[in-house]
Amino acid sequence: WRVGIGPGRPGPVRPAPAR
């Protein structure tokens, strides 16, 4: 998932965790 991507999801854009 990426923070900042999507409705009502403000914040820094981070790549998905390698899990």
Protein backbone atom coordinates (compact mmCIF):
# COMPACT_ATOMS: atom_id res chain seq x y z
CA TRP A 1 0.00 0.00 0.00
CA ARG A 2 1.08 3.60 -0.42
CA VAL A 3 0.35 6.39 2.01
CA GLY A 4 -1.05 9.38 0.13
CA ILE A 5 -2.55 7.25 -2.60
CA GLY A 6 -6.34 7.15 -2.40
CA PRO A 7 -9.30 9.18 -1.15
CA GLY A 8 -8.79 10.58 2.35
CA ARG A 9 -5.26 9.22 2.54
CA PRO A 10 -2.99 12.24 2.98
CA GLY A 11 0.67 11.75 3.85
CA PRO A 12 4.09 10.93 2.39
CA VAL A 13 4.18 8.49 -0.52
CA ARG A 14 5.91 5.29 0.57
CA PRO A 15 6.46 2.09 -1.44
CA ALA A 16 4.81 -1.13 -0.23
CA PRO A 17 6.77 -3.02 2.45
CA ALA A 18 8.72 -6.08 1.29
CA ARG A 19 6.56 -8.54 3.21
